[in-house]
Amino acid sequence: METITLNNGVIMPKLGFGVYQIPQAETAEAVYQAIKIGYRLIDTADIYGNEVQTGEGIKRAISEGLVTRKDLFVTTKLFILQASEAGAKKTIAQSLERLGLDYIDLYLIHQPYGDIYGAWRAMVSAQKAGVVRAIGVSNFKSAKMIEFSSLVDVKPQVNQIEINPWYQRIEDQEWHEKYDVQLEAWAPFAEGRHDLFTNPTLANIGKKYDKTVGQVVLRWLMQRNLVALAKSVRPERMAENFAIFDFELSKEDMETITKLNQNESAFFDHDAPKQVEAFMKRMLNVK
């Protein structure tokens, strides 16, 4: 497993297993199978509603001797409804209880809204207390990351954002490298949008290495020194996504993939007025 070192010295696996949209009834088994295959980074969130089941999968893998707790890197996140100092303090404690863990490896602010500075103070305190090893943000655009990093005493270790062949975030990566904040890619396959898995450019590159489109995409992210999250409930697909450490894309292949960039989200803009309005209505419980 390839790793990166965060700005506070914590070592993080570059390939992870995400549980977003996995039903509760399937989460524990999916997490267990992922760990069995070799994944060591497990990513969940308060809003996903499956922290308990994620913890159950982790507990089973540890109890069967597949891994120790120190082998794993567990991430969870603070949603906007709890984005305050008191809310973050309470939610961190709840996440620890739901996961059945003594500490969380990475804790993220899920959205750049609400009292993120108050939440950050609680997260820094949790980090100093040793119940959180690394702290970061998610869905922060570069400008917001720069502002936030400049105003807090402890800058984020990670920013988890959408990155895939259609939305490559090349300039964003340059800004994050300047501020020493590690980028982590969610939705690296764009959930198959724009026919990603049958894209002829990616498929032809895969044929050169006897690899699938998904493996090419994940390898492309690894070689950009990004952390990536892959999701599946099928063990065979989990294993396929994990089998990316035995080949390397050429410089020409990397440049070819760069040309696929559409420079726009395959989903939605977190800063679009309608989206922010929806976030605010949810946070304030307004219809």
Foldseek 3Di string as FASTA:
>chain_A
DDWDAFPVGDIGDQEAAECAPPDLVLQLVLLLLLVLLPHQEYEEEPVSVNLLSNLNNVVVCVVVPSDPNVSHAYEYEDEQLQQALVSLLVVLVVSCVSSVHQAHAEYEHEAPDDNNVRNVVNVVVCCVVPRYVFYAYELDFLVRLVVQQVPDPDRHREYEYADELQAHCPVSVVSCVVSRHAYEHEPHCLVCPPVQQVPPLLQVQCVVVVAGSLLSSSLLCVVVVHRYYDYDSDSVVSSNNVPNPPDHRDPVSNVSSNVSYNNDRSPDRCPPPVNVVVSVCVSVVHD
